C-alpha atoms as a PDB file:
ATOM      1  CA  MET A   1     128.926 116.360  76.495  1.00  0.00           C
ATOM      2  CA  PRO A   2     132.239 118.293  76.635  1.00  0.00           C
ATOM      3  CA  GLU A   3     132.232 117.966  80.424  1.00  0.00           C
ATOM      4  CA  ALA A   4     131.669 114.212  80.182  1.00  0.00           C
ATOM      5  CA  THR A   5     134.561 113.871  77.724  1.00  0.00           C
ATOM      6  CA  THR A   6     136.857 115.881  79.958  1.00  0.00           C
ATOM      7  CA  SER A   7     136.039 113.764  83.002  1.00  0.00           C
ATOM      8  CA  ILE A   8     136.658 110.487  81.169  1.00  0.00           C
ATOM      9  CA  ASP A   9     140.020 111.771  79.910  1.00  0.00           C
ATOM     10  CA  TYR A  10     140.869 112.787  83.458  1.00  0.00           C
ATOM     11  CA  VAL A  11     140.029 109.332  84.790  1.00  0.00           C
ATOM     12  CA  MET A  12     142.169 107.623  82.138  1.00  0.00           C
ATOM     13  CA  GLU A  13     145.042 109.968  82.904  1.00  0.00           C
ATOM     14  CA  LYS A  14     144.831 109.275  86.620  1.00  0.00           C
ATOM     15  CA  ALA A  15     144.529 105.515  86.128  1.00  0.00           C
ATOM     16  CA  SER A  16     147.974 105.390  84.547  1.00  0.00           C
ATOM     17  CA  GLY A  17     149.757 107.029  87.478  1.00  0.00           C
ATOM     18  CA  PRO A  18     151.934 105.317  90.105  1.00  0.00           C
ATOM     19  CA  HIS A  19     150.371 102.303  91.805  1.00  0.00           C
ATOM     20  CA  PHE A  20     150.973 100.288  94.951  1.00  0.00           C
ATOM     21  CA  SER A  21     149.418  96.941  95.802  1.00  0.00           C
ATOM     22  CA  GLY A  22     146.835  96.382  98.501  1.00  0.00           C
ATOM     23  CA  LEU A  23     145.398  99.898  98.554  1.00  0.00           C
ATOM     24  CA  ARG A  24     141.787 101.010  98.479  1.00  0.00           C
ATOM     25  CA  ILE A  25     140.038 104.328  98.119  1.00  0.00           C
ATOM     26  CA  ASP A  26     136.837 103.995 100.113  1.00  0.00           C
ATOM     27  CA  GLY A  27     136.902 100.436 101.362  1.00  0.00           C
ATOM     28  CA  PRO A  28     135.861  97.251  99.544  1.00  0.00           C
ATOM     29  CA  THR A  29     134.424  97.670  96.071  1.00  0.00           C
ATOM     30  CA  SER A  30     130.642  97.577  96.093  1.00  0.00           C
ATOM     31  CA  SER A  31     128.535  95.643  93.609  1.00  0.00           C
ATOM     32  CA  PRO A  32     127.206  97.425  90.518  1.00  0.00           C
ATOM     33  CA  PRO A  33     123.697  98.848  90.831  1.00  0.00           C
ATOM     34  CA  ALA A  34     120.964  96.465  89.731  1.00  0.00           C
ATOM     35  CA  SER A  35     119.044  99.167  87.905  1.00  0.00           C
ATOM     36  CA  SER A  36     119.140 102.828  87.054  1.00  0.00           C
ATOM     37  CA  ALA A  37     116.690 103.451  89.897  1.00  0.00           C
ATOM     38  CA  THR A  38     119.524 102.897  92.372  1.00  0.00           C
ATOM     39  CA  ALA A  39     121.707 105.655  90.923  1.00  0.00           C
ATOM     40  CA  PRO A  40     123.067 108.132  93.507  1.00  0.00           C
ATOM     41  CA  SER A  41     120.790 111.030  94.292  1.00  0.00           C
ATOM     42  CA  VAL A  42     121.729 114.684  94.542  1.00  0.00           C
ATOM     43  CA  ALA A  43     121.892 114.312  98.311  1.00  0.00           C
ATOM     44  CA  ASP A  44     124.468 111.533  97.910  1.00  0.00           C
ATOM     45  CA  VAL A  45     126.616 113.740  95.678  1.00  0.00           C
ATOM     46  CA  ASN A  46     126.677 116.495  98.273  1.00  0.00           C
ATOM     47  CA  ALA A  47     127.431 114.103 101.123  1.00  0.00           C
ATOM     48  CA  PRO A  48     130.801 114.528 102.909  1.00  0.00           C
ATOM     49  CA  LYS A  49     133.551 112.677 101.087  1.00  0.00           C
ATOM     50  CA  GLN A  50     135.491 109.963 102.826  1.00  0.00           C
ATOM     51  CA  PRO A  51     139.012 111.103 103.761  1.00  0.00           C
ATOM     52  CA  PHE A  52     142.113 109.164 102.766  1.00  0.00           C
ATOM     53  CA  VAL A  53     143.474 107.501 105.934  1.00  0.00           C
ATOM     54  CA  ILE A  54     147.191 106.718 106.138  1.00  0.00           C
ATOM     55  CA  GLY A  55     148.708 104.609 108.915  1.00  0.00           C
ATOM     56  CA  VAL A  56     152.388 105.130 109.721  1.00  0.00           C
ATOM     57  CA  SER A  57     154.032 102.590 112.004  1.00  0.00           C
ATOM     58  CA  GLY A  58     157.550 101.518 112.960  1.00  0.00           C
ATOM     59  CA  GLY A  59     159.803 101.061 115.956  1.00  0.00           C
ATOM     60  CA  THR A  60     160.403 103.693 118.585  1.00  0.00           C
ATOM     61  CA  ALA A  61     162.308 106.729 117.223  1.00  0.00           C
ATOM     62  CA  SER A  62     162.364 105.213 113.733  1.00  0.00           C
ATOM     63  CA  GLY A  63     161.509 108.528 112.092  1.00  0.00           C
ATOM     64  CA  LYS A  64     157.725 108.122 111.834  1.00  0.00           C
ATOM     65  CA  THR A  65     157.027 111.747 112.740  1.00  0.00           C
ATOM     66  CA  THR A  66     159.605 112.978 110.223  1.00  0.00           C
ATOM     67  CA  VAL A  67     157.982 110.921 107.464  1.00  0.00           C
ATOM     68  CA  CYS A  68     154.546 112.255 108.443  1.00  0.00           C
ATOM     69  CA  ASP A  69     155.803 115.857 108.405  1.00  0.00           C
ATOM     70  CA  MET A  70     157.345 115.409 104.951  1.00  0.00           C
ATOM     71  CA  ILE A  71     154.108 113.931 103.579  1.00  0.00           C
ATOM     72  CA  ILE A  72     152.090 116.789 105.076  1.00  0.00           C
ATOM     73  CA  GLN A  73     154.421 119.390 103.572  1.00  0.00           C
ATOM     74  CA  GLN A  74     154.133 117.872 100.096  1.00  0.00           C
ATOM     75  CA  LEU A  75     150.334 117.549 100.329  1.00  0.00           C
ATOM     76  CA  HIS A  76     149.967 121.307 100.720  1.00  0.00           C
ATOM     77  CA  ASP A  77     147.053 121.354  98.257  1.00  0.00           C
ATOM     78  CA  HIS A  78     144.925 119.234 100.603  1.00  0.00           C
ATOM     79  CA  ARG A  79     143.810 119.537 104.199  1.00  0.00           C
ATOM     80  CA  VAL A  80     145.799 117.059 106.280  1.00  0.00           C
ATOM     81  CA  VAL A  81     145.592 116.227 109.999  1.00  0.00           C
ATOM     82  CA  LEU A  82     147.976 114.148 112.094  1.00  0.00           C
ATOM     83  CA  VAL A  83     146.681 111.923 114.900  1.00  0.00           C
ATOM     84  CA  ASN A  84     149.309 110.414 117.220  1.00  0.00           C
ATOM     85  CA  GLN A  85     148.625 107.117 118.928  1.00  0.00           C
ATOM     86  CA  ASP A  86     150.590 108.458 121.921  1.00  0.00           C
ATOM     87  CA  SER A  87     147.670 110.814 122.636  1.00  0.00           C
ATOM     88  CA  PHE A  88     145.587 107.761 123.520  1.00  0.00           C
ATOM     89  CA  TYR A  89     147.782 106.385 126.313  1.00  0.00           C
ATOM     90  CA  ARG A  90     145.727 105.328 129.296  1.00  0.00           C
ATOM     91  CA  GLY A  91     146.321 107.488 132.350  1.00  0.00           C
ATOM     92  CA  LEU A  92     148.133 105.648 135.149  1.00  0.00           C
ATOM     93  CA  THR A  93     146.374 104.927 138.418  1.00  0.00           C
ATOM     94  CA  PRO A  94     148.015 106.162 141.671  1.00  0.00           C
ATOM     95  CA  GLU A  95     149.263 102.627 142.285  1.00  0.00           C
ATOM     96  CA  GLU A  96     150.741 102.364 138.783  1.00  0.00           C
ATOM     97  CA  SER A  97     152.332 105.803 139.120  1.00  0.00           C
ATOM     98  CA  GLU A  98     154.186 104.670 142.245  1.00  0.00           C
ATOM     99  CA  ARG A  99     155.656 101.772 140.237  1.00  0.00           C
ATOM    100  CA  VAL A 100     156.000 103.621 136.934  1.00  0.00           C
ATOM    101  CA  HIS A 101     159.338 101.949 136.177  1.00  0.00           C
ATOM    102  CA  GLU A 102     157.508  98.605 136.111  1.00  0.00           C
ATOM    103  CA  TYR A 103     154.852  99.807 133.657  1.00  0.00           C
ATOM    104  CA  ASN A 104     155.142  98.712 130.012  1.00  0.00           C
ATOM    105  CA  PHE A 105     154.250 101.718 127.828  1.00  0.00           C
ATOM    106  CA  ASP A 106     154.994  99.721 124.658  1.00  0.00           C
ATOM    107  CA  HIS A 107     152.350  97.039 125.241  1.00  0.00           C
ATOM    108  CA  PRO A 108     149.015  97.238 123.339  1.00  0.00           C
ATOM    109  CA  ASP A 109     147.148  97.370 126.667  1.00  0.00           C
ATOM    110  CA  ALA A 110     148.825 100.708 127.456  1.00  0.00           C
ATOM    111  CA  PHE A 111     146.627 102.391 124.813  1.00  0.00           C
ATOM    112  CA  ASP A 112     142.911 103.129 124.789  1.00  0.00           C
ATOM    113  CA  THR A 113     142.261 101.498 121.430  1.00  0.00           C
ATOM    114  CA  GLU A 114     138.485 101.879 121.723  1.00  0.00           C
ATOM    115  CA  GLN A 115     138.803 105.661 121.957  1.00  0.00           C
ATOM    116  CA  LEU A 116     141.305 105.671 119.083  1.00  0.00           C
ATOM    117  CA  LEU A 117     138.780 103.792 116.948  1.00  0.00           C
ATOM    118  CA  ASP A 118     136.060 106.236 117.904  1.00  0.00           C
ATOM    119  CA  CYS A 119     138.333 109.135 116.931  1.00  0.00           C
ATOM    120  CA  ILE A 120     139.132 107.808 113.445  1.00  0.00           C
ATOM    121  CA  LYS A 121     135.538 106.786 112.738  1.00  0.00           C
ATOM    122  CA  THR A 122     134.296 110.222 113.807  1.00  0.00           C
ATOM    123  CA  LEU A 123     136.821 112.012 111.592  1.00  0.00           C
ATOM    124  CA  LYS A 124     135.971 109.740 108.665  1.00  0.00           C
ATOM    125  CA  SER A 125     132.304 110.663 109.077  1.00  0.00           C
ATOM    126  CA  GLY A 126     133.215 114.336 108.626  1.00  0.00           C
ATOM    127  CA  GLN A 127     132.888 115.361 112.277  1.00  0.00           C
ATOM    128  CA  PRO A 128     135.572 117.026 114.470  1.00  0.00           C
ATOM    129  CA  TYR A 129     137.054 115.183 117.448  1.00  0.00           C
ATOM    130  CA  GLN A 130     138.607 116.284 120.730  1.00  0.00           C
ATOM    131  CA  VAL A 131     141.886 114.366 120.952  1.00  0.00           C
ATOM    132  CA  PRO A 132     143.238 114.018 124.503  1.00  0.00           C
ATOM    133  CA  ILE A 133     146.595 115.527 125.454  1.00  0.00           C
ATOM    134  CA  TYR A 134     148.963 113.197 127.331  1.00  0.00           C
ATOM    135  CA  ASP A 135     151.570 114.490 129.794  1.00  0.00           C
ATOM    136  CA  PHE A 136     154.628 112.251 129.493  1.00  0.00           C
ATOM    137  CA  LYS A 137     156.219 113.631 132.643  1.00  0.00           C
ATOM    138  CA  LYS A 138     153.172 113.028 134.859  1.00  0.00           C
ATOM    139  CA  HIS A 139     152.056 109.928 132.917  1.00  0.00           C
ATOM    140  CA  ARG A 140     148.443 111.031 132.733  1.00  0.00           C
ATOM    141  CA  ARG A 141     146.100 112.955 130.478  1.00  0.00           C
ATOM    142  CA  CYS A 142     145.437 116.654 130.903  1.00  0.00           C
ATOM    143  CA  SER A 143     141.907 116.633 132.240  1.00  0.00           C
ATOM    144  CA  ASP A 144     141.042 120.209 131.303  1.00  0.00           C
ATOM    145  CA  SER A 145     142.442 120.501 127.776  1.00  0.00           C
ATOM    146  CA  PHE A 146     142.046 118.753 124.439  1.00  0.00           C
ATOM    147  CA  ARG A 147     143.280 119.208 120.888  1.00  0.00           C
ATOM    148  CA  LEU A 148     140.405 119.800 118.488  1.00  0.00           C
ATOM    149  CA  VAL A 149     141.006 117.924 115.227  1.00  0.00           C
ATOM    150  CA  ASN A 150     138.753 118.751 112.273  1.00  0.00           C
ATOM    151  CA  ALA A 151     137.807 116.416 109.461  1.00  0.00           C
ATOM    152  CA  SER A 152     140.167 116.731 106.477  1.00  0.00           C
ATOM    153  CA  ASP A 153     140.996 115.289 103.073  1.00  0.00           C
ATOM    154  CA  VAL A 154     143.812 113.182 104.540  1.00  0.00           C
ATOM    155  CA  ILE A 155     144.125 111.688 108.045  1.00  0.00           C
ATOM    156  CA  ILE A 156     147.541 110.398 109.102  1.00  0.00           C
ATOM    157  CA  LEU A 157     147.528 108.023 112.086  1.00  0.00           C
ATOM    158  CA  GLU A 158     151.014 107.573 113.525  1.00  0.00           C
ATOM    159  CA  GLY A 159     152.206 105.237 116.257  1.00  0.00           C
ATOM    160  CA  ILE A 160     154.221 102.125 117.059  1.00  0.00           C
ATOM    161  CA  LEU A 161     151.165  99.862 117.320  1.00  0.00           C
ATOM    162  CA  VAL A 162     148.659 101.321 114.856  1.00  0.00           C
ATOM    163  CA  PHE A 163     148.846  98.104 112.786  1.00  0.00           C
ATOM    164  CA  HIS A 164     148.375  95.777 115.761  1.00  0.00           C
ATOM    165  CA  ASP A 165     144.567  95.911 115.969  1.00  0.00           C
ATOM    166  CA  GLN A 166     142.736  94.629 112.904  1.00  0.00           C
ATOM    167  CA  ARG A 167     139.850  97.060 113.481  1.00  0.00           C
ATOM    168  CA  VAL A 168     142.217 100.019 113.240  1.00  0.00           C
ATOM    169  CA  ARG A 169     143.958  98.602 110.166  1.00  0.00           C
ATOM    170  CA  SER A 170     140.634  98.167 108.377  1.00  0.00           C
ATOM    171  CA  LEU A 171     140.048 101.934 108.550  1.00  0.00           C
ATOM    172  CA  MET A 172     143.263 102.692 106.646  1.00  0.00           C
ATOM    173  CA  ASN A 173     143.616 103.259 102.918  1.00  0.00           C
ATOM    174  CA  MET A 174     147.421 103.070 103.021  1.00  0.00           C
ATOM    175  CA  LYS A 175     149.755 101.485 105.576  1.00  0.00           C
ATOM    176  CA  ILE A 176     153.391 102.649 105.773  1.00  0.00           C
ATOM    177  CA  PHE A 177     156.092 101.000 107.894  1.00  0.00           C
ATOM    178  CA  VAL A 178     159.201 103.061 108.652  1.00  0.00           C
ATOM    179  CA  ASP A 179     162.150 100.659 108.887  1.00  0.00           C
ATOM    180  CA  THR A 180     165.242 102.060 110.643  1.00  0.00           C
ATOM    181  CA  ASP A 181     168.333 100.362 112.111  1.00  0.00           C
ATOM    182  CA  ALA A 182     167.950  99.411 115.790  1.00  0.00           C
ATOM    183  CA  ASP A 183     171.132 101.259 116.878  1.00  0.00           C
ATOM    184  CA  VAL A 184     169.927 104.466 115.243  1.00  0.00           C
ATOM    185  CA  ARG A 185     166.551 104.136 116.938  1.00  0.00           C
ATOM    186  CA  LEU A 186     168.143 103.604 120.360  1.00  0.00           C
ATOM    187  CA  ALA A 187     170.355 106.683 119.985  1.00  0.00           C
ATOM    188  CA  ARG A 188     167.355 108.790 118.999  1.00  0.00           C
ATOM    189  CA  ARG A 189     165.325 107.372 121.888  1.00  0.00           C
ATOM    190  CA  ILE A 190     168.003 108.322 124.404  1.00  0.00           C
ATOM    191  CA  ARG A 191     168.223 111.869 123.041  1.00  0.00           C
ATOM    192  CA  ARG A 192     164.456 112.325 122.981  1.00  0.00           C
ATOM    193  CA  ASP A 193     163.673 110.938 126.446  1.00  0.00           C
ATOM    194  CA  THR A 194     166.494 112.768 128.202  1.00  0.00           C
ATOM    195  CA  VAL A 195     165.930 116.141 126.516  1.00  0.00           C
ATOM    196  CA  GLU A 196     162.170 116.259 125.916  1.00  0.00           C
ATOM    197  CA  ARG A 197     160.787 114.045 128.685  1.00  0.00           C
ATOM    198  CA  GLY A 198     163.206 114.770 131.518  1.00  0.00           C
ATOM    199  CA  ARG A 199     164.436 111.218 132.130  1.00  0.00           C
ATOM    200  CA  ASP A 200     167.927 110.143 133.100  1.00  0.00           C
ATOM    201  CA  LEU A 201     170.103 107.889 130.934  1.00  0.00           C
ATOM    202  CA  ASP A 202     169.995 104.843 133.226  1.00  0.00           C
ATOM    203  CA  SER A 203     166.190 104.769 133.344  1.00  0.00           C
ATOM    204  CA  VAL A 204     165.974 105.124 129.561  1.00  0.00           C
ATOM    205  CA  LEU A 205     168.352 102.214 128.968  1.00  0.00           C
ATOM    206  CA  GLU A 206     166.621 100.089 131.594  1.00  0.00           C
ATOM    207  CA  GLN A 207     163.204 100.738 130.054  1.00  0.00           C
ATOM    208  CA  TYR A 208     164.532  99.989 126.568  1.00  0.00           C
ATOM    209  CA  ALA A 209     166.038  96.644 127.564  1.00  0.00           C
ATOM    210  CA  LYS A 210     163.114  95.570 129.729  1.00  0.00           C
ATOM    211  CA  PHE A 211     160.117  96.757 127.727  1.00  0.00           C
ATOM    212  CA  VAL A 212     160.832  98.619 124.478  1.00  0.00           C
ATOM    213  CA  LYS A 213     162.936  96.028 122.653  1.00  0.00           C
ATOM    214  CA  PRO A 214     160.825  92.986 123.701  1.00  0.00           C
ATOM    215  CA  ALA A 215     157.632  94.830 122.703  1.00  0.00           C
ATOM    216  CA  PHE A 216     159.162  95.705 119.340  1.00  0.00           C
ATOM    217  CA  ASP A 217     160.020  92.045 118.721  1.00  0.00           C
ATOM    218  CA  ASP A 218     156.613  90.793 119.927  1.00  0.00           C
ATOM    219  CA  PHE A 219     154.185  93.378 118.536  1.00  0.00           C
ATOM    220  CA  VAL A 220     155.724  96.032 116.272  1.00  0.00           C
ATOM    221  CA  LEU A 221     157.948  93.976 113.981  1.00  0.00           C
ATOM    222  CA  PRO A 222     155.267  91.304 113.294  1.00  0.00           C
ATOM    223  CA  SER A 223     152.878  94.070 112.171  1.00  0.00           C
ATOM    224  CA  LYS A 224     155.314  94.978 109.394  1.00  0.00           C
ATOM    225  CA  LYS A 225     153.695  92.300 107.224  1.00  0.00           C
ATOM    226  CA  TYR A 226     150.522  94.395 107.017  1.00  0.00           C
ATOM    227  CA  ALA A 227     152.306  97.373 105.446  1.00  0.00           C
ATOM    228  CA  ASP A 228     151.574  98.355 101.864  1.00  0.00           C
ATOM    229  CA  VAL A 229     154.788 100.378 101.673  1.00  0.00           C
ATOM    230  CA  ILE A 230     158.035  99.918 103.669  1.00  0.00           C
ATOM    231  CA  ILE A 231     160.361 102.926 103.884  1.00  0.00           C
ATOM    232  CA  PRO A 232     163.974 102.061 104.765  1.00  0.00           C
ATOM    233  CA  ARG A 233     165.950 104.845 106.515  1.00  0.00           C
ATOM    234  CA  GLY A 234     162.801 106.850 107.303  1.00  0.00           C
ATOM    235  CA  GLY A 235     162.896 110.539 106.461  1.00  0.00           C
ATOM    236  CA  ASP A 236     166.216 110.156 104.629  1.00  0.00           C
ATOM    237  CA  ASN A 237     164.471 108.178 101.879  1.00  0.00           C
ATOM    238  CA  HIS A 238     163.167 111.089  99.802  1.00  0.00           C
ATOM    239  CA  VAL A 239     162.491 108.926  96.741  1.00  0.00           C
ATOM    240  CA  ALA A 240     160.051 106.662  98.613  1.00  0.00           C
ATOM    241  CA  ILE A 241     158.230 109.618 100.160  1.00  0.00           C
ATOM    242  CA  ASP A 242     157.910 111.365  96.784  1.00  0.00           C
ATOM    243  CA  LEU A 243     156.365 108.216  95.280  1.00  0.00           C
ATOM    244  CA  ILE A 244     153.938 107.885  98.196  1.00  0.00           C
ATOM    245  CA  VAL A 245     152.820 111.506  97.875  1.00  0.00           C
ATOM    246  CA  GLN A 246     152.366 111.106  94.122  1.00  0.00           C
ATOM    247  CA  HIS A 247     150.236 108.018  94.715  1.00  0.00           C
ATOM    248  CA  ILE A 248     148.100 109.843  97.303  1.00  0.00           C
ATOM    249  CA  HIS A 249     147.546 112.696  94.840  1.00  0.00           C
ATOM    250  CA  THR A 250     146.358 110.140  92.268  1.00  0.00           C
ATOM    251  CA  LYS A 251     143.948 108.476  94.684  1.00  0.00           C
ATOM    252  CA  LEU A 252     142.553 111.790  95.906  1.00  0.00           C
ATOM    253  CA  GLY A 253     142.025 112.898  92.313  1.00  0.00           C
ATOM    254  CA  GLN A 254     140.080 109.743  91.450  1.00  0.00           C
ATOM    255  CA  HIS A 255     138.077 110.024  94.657  1.00  0.00           C
ATOM    256  CA  ASP A 256     137.087 113.657  94.085  1.00  0.00           C
ATOM    257  CA  LEU A 257     136.052 112.959  90.494  1.00  0.00           C
ATOM    258  CA  CYS A 258     133.730 110.134  91.529  1.00  0.00           C
ATOM    259  CA  LYS A 259     132.116 112.418  94.121  1.00  0.00           C
ATOM    260  CA  ILE A 260     131.579 115.227  91.623  1.00  0.00           C
ATOM    261  CA  TYR A 261     130.250 112.901  88.906  1.00  0.00           C
ATOM    262  CA  PRO A 262     128.314 110.094  90.645  1.00  0.00           C
ATOM    263  CA  ASN A 263     127.806 108.244  87.341  1.00  0.00           C
ATOM    264  CA  VAL A 264     131.570 107.945  86.735  1.00  0.00           C
ATOM    265  CA  TYR A 265     133.179 104.635  87.678  1.00  0.00           C
ATOM    266  CA  VAL A 266     136.940 104.140  87.751  1.00  0.00           C
ATOM    267  CA  ILE A 267     138.076 100.792  86.389  1.00  0.00           C
ATOM    268  CA  GLN A 268     140.288  98.950  88.866  1.00  0.00           C
ATOM    269  CA  SER A 269     143.903  99.171  87.746  1.00  0.00           C
ATOM    270  CA  THR A 270     145.693  95.957  86.792  1.00  0.00           C
ATOM    271  CA  PHE A 271     149.127  95.141  85.399  1.00  0.00           C
ATOM    272  CA  GLN A 272     147.448  94.467  82.048  1.00  0.00           C
ATOM    273  CA  ILE A 273     145.761  97.898  81.919  1.00  0.00           C
ATOM    274  CA  ARG A 274     148.889  99.743  83.047  1.00  0.00           C
ATOM    275  CA  GLY A 275     150.946  97.846  80.485  1.00  0.00           C
ATOM    276  CA  MET A 276     148.596  98.764  77.633  1.00  0.00           C
ATOM    277  CA  HIS A 277     148.545 102.393  78.759  1.00  0.00           C
ATOM    278  CA  THR A 278     152.342 102.407  78.655  1.00  0.00           C
ATOM    279  CA  LEU A 279     152.451 100.904  75.169  1.00  0.00           C
ATOM    280  CA  ILE A 280     149.946 103.233  73.482  1.00  0.00           C
ATOM    281  CA  ARG A 281     151.712 106.285  74.973  1.00  0.00           C
ATOM    282  CA  ASP A 282     155.095 105.232  73.605  1.00  0.00           C
ATOM    283  CA  ARG A 283     155.846 107.511  70.659  1.00  0.00           C
ATOM    284  CA  GLY A 284     157.796 104.679  69.044  1.00  0.00           C
ATOM    285  CA  ILE A 285     154.895 102.210  68.967  1.00  0.00           C
ATOM    286  CA  SER A 286     153.859 100.913  65.556  1.00  0.00           C
ATOM    287  CA  LYS A 287     150.475 101.769  64.070  1.00  0.00           C
ATOM    288  CA  HIS A 288     149.423  98.119  64.204  1.00  0.00           C
ATOM    289  CA  ASP A 289     150.267  97.762  67.913  1.00  0.00           C
ATOM    290  CA  PHE A 290     148.634 101.096  68.747  1.00  0.00           C
ATOM    291  CA  VAL A 291     145.364 100.008  67.117  1.00  0.00           C
ATOM    292  CA  PHE A 292     145.565  96.546  68.679  1.00  0.00           C
ATOM    293  CA  TYR A 293     146.094  97.696  72.294  1.00  0.00           C
ATOM    294  CA  SER A 294     143.721 100.672  71.962  1.00  0.00           C
ATOM    295  CA  ASP A 295     141.024  98.275  70.794  1.00  0.00           C
ATOM    296  CA  ARG A 296     141.605  96.069  73.833  1.00  0.00           C
ATOM    297  CA  LEU A 297     141.375  99.057  76.194  1.00  0.00           C
ATOM    298  CA  ILE A 298     138.157 100.224  74.547  1.00  0.00           C
ATOM    299  CA  ARG A 299     136.682  96.759  74.925  1.00  0.00           C
ATOM    300  CA  LEU A 300     137.487  96.743  78.648  1.00  0.00           C
ATOM    301  CA  VAL A 301     135.835 100.149  79.065  1.00  0.00           C
ATOM    302  CA  VAL A 302     132.692  99.041  77.210  1.00  0.00           C
ATOM    303  CA  GLU A 303     132.481  95.806  79.207  1.00  0.00           C
ATOM    304  CA  HIS A 304     132.894  97.655  82.489  1.00  0.00           C
ATOM    305  CA  GLY A 305     130.303 100.247  81.495  1.00  0.00           C
ATOM    306  CA  LEU A 306     127.706  97.684  80.441  1.00  0.00           C
ATOM    307  CA  GLY A 307     128.174  95.931  83.752  1.00  0.00           C
ATOM    308  CA  HIS A 308     126.596  98.959  85.445  1.00  0.00           C
ATOM    309  CA  LEU A 309     123.472  98.913  83.238  1.00  0.00           C
ATOM    310  CA  PRO A 310     120.289  96.927  83.962  1.00  0.00           C
ATOM    311  CA  PHE A 311     120.041  93.733  81.915  1.00  0.00           C
ATOM    312  CA  THR A 312     118.072  90.529  81.617  1.00  0.00           C
ATOM    313  CA  GLU A 313     119.454  87.136  80.753  1.00  0.00           C
ATOM    314  CA  LYS A 314     118.519  85.694  77.355  1.00  0.00           C
ATOM    315  CA  GLN A 315     118.906  82.275  75.808  1.00  0.00           C
ATOM    316  CA  VAL A 316     120.692  82.246  72.459  1.00  0.00           C
ATOM    317  CA  VAL A 317     121.773  79.647  69.960  1.00  0.00           C
ATOM    318  CA  THR A 318     125.347  80.132  68.753  1.00  0.00           C
ATOM    319  CA  PRO A 319     126.397  79.544  65.122  1.00  0.00           C
ATOM    320  CA  THR A 320     127.682  76.136  66.180  1.00  0.00           C
ATOM    321  CA  GLY A 321     124.242  75.182  67.546  1.00  0.00           C
ATOM    322  CA  VAL A 322     125.128  75.471  71.230  1.00  0.00           C
ATOM    323  CA  LEU A 323     122.405  76.788  73.552  1.00  0.00           C
ATOM    324  CA  GLY A 324     123.660  79.340  76.060  1.00  0.00           C
ATOM    325  CA  ILE A 325     122.617  82.190  78.360  1.00  0.00           C
ATOM    326  CA  MET A 326     124.001  85.670  77.775  1.00  0.00           C
ATOM    327  CA  ASN A 327     124.005  88.919  79.687  1.00  0.00           C
ATOM    328  CA  SER A 328     125.350  92.280  78.518  1.00  0.00           C
ATOM    329  CA  GLU A 329     129.016  91.545  79.280  1.00  0.00           C
ATOM    330  CA  ALA A 330     128.902  88.124  77.656  1.00  0.00           C
ATOM    331  CA  LEU A 331     127.339  89.716  74.589  1.00  0.00           C
ATOM    332  CA  VAL A 332     130.262  92.123  74.278  1.00  0.00           C
ATOM    333  CA  HIS A 333     132.732  89.237  74.504  1.00  0.00           C
ATOM    334  CA  PHE A 334     130.780  87.395  71.838  1.00  0.00           C
ATOM    335  CA  CYS A 335     130.598  90.394  69.481  1.00  0.00           C
ATOM    336  CA  TYR A 336     134.296  91.117  69.785  1.00  0.00           C
ATOM    337  CA  SER A 337     135.211  87.481  69.221  1.00  0.00           C
ATOM    338  CA  MET A 338     133.090  87.462  66.060  1.00  0.00           C
ATOM    339  CA  HIS A 339     134.789  90.707  64.960  1.00  0.00           C
END
């Protein structure tokens, strides 16, 4: 019993933390079990937990990698891996290599999205994956070497077009768009391509005007609407990154608790629940309001709990003579209304 009390207190504490809209822990919420016979078995409890997948998108040189590094540093209590979409560039054919200046590296077709999907699905299943290594100077993959990525608590997928494909987006628990001024991005792009990738200034500017900017307008910017969180100024926005990390900690805490205690269900957070939590924790709240809002929270917990128990429908006659059908949740509503 003490352990059960501790876990419920922990859930309530976590439920009142920072929240963002449009996020999920392990995908769509499943329906409550029809009977106690469908309760998770011991094997289910010991099954590998689903990692928290974060997608980080934005324009070229917007600061995506910096944001990812800052998140990784602050999540030092959890195992985190970074997967770059750039690793999944398709290798150029000899004909394409001869006309490399005519090749659009910022188009969705330049990436092997099928292999990227296979990578994320494999990591989510708890298995390691050999991520290819792309040579940006030769414009092809290294055939004899890979980067072994192990399954972790958190998977960060970073790239300009990670939000473009709906199948990739559906694997994400959180989607972050790094929004940086176009002039700043161009300056960073010039510095990066000339220093790190051995390209001359004219070719960088030509590629930017011909391919990079049009692709940003056509594919990257429209995908911004899918983001759960938009970070202006990238890595310079420490407040936004701190809030994101705090939210991830909350989600990971809820997730781990549900895996440890398979009979614990976390009530979906709403503005109403968060508001009542705020009120009853205010030291200046009156006794009457504390009792009132605590009673409403308790009712929600009881209703949610009874929804996970087996029940049969029953016909009843109300005090006003109306014939109706009740299940467990309706009975709770009725009892509280009579109270």
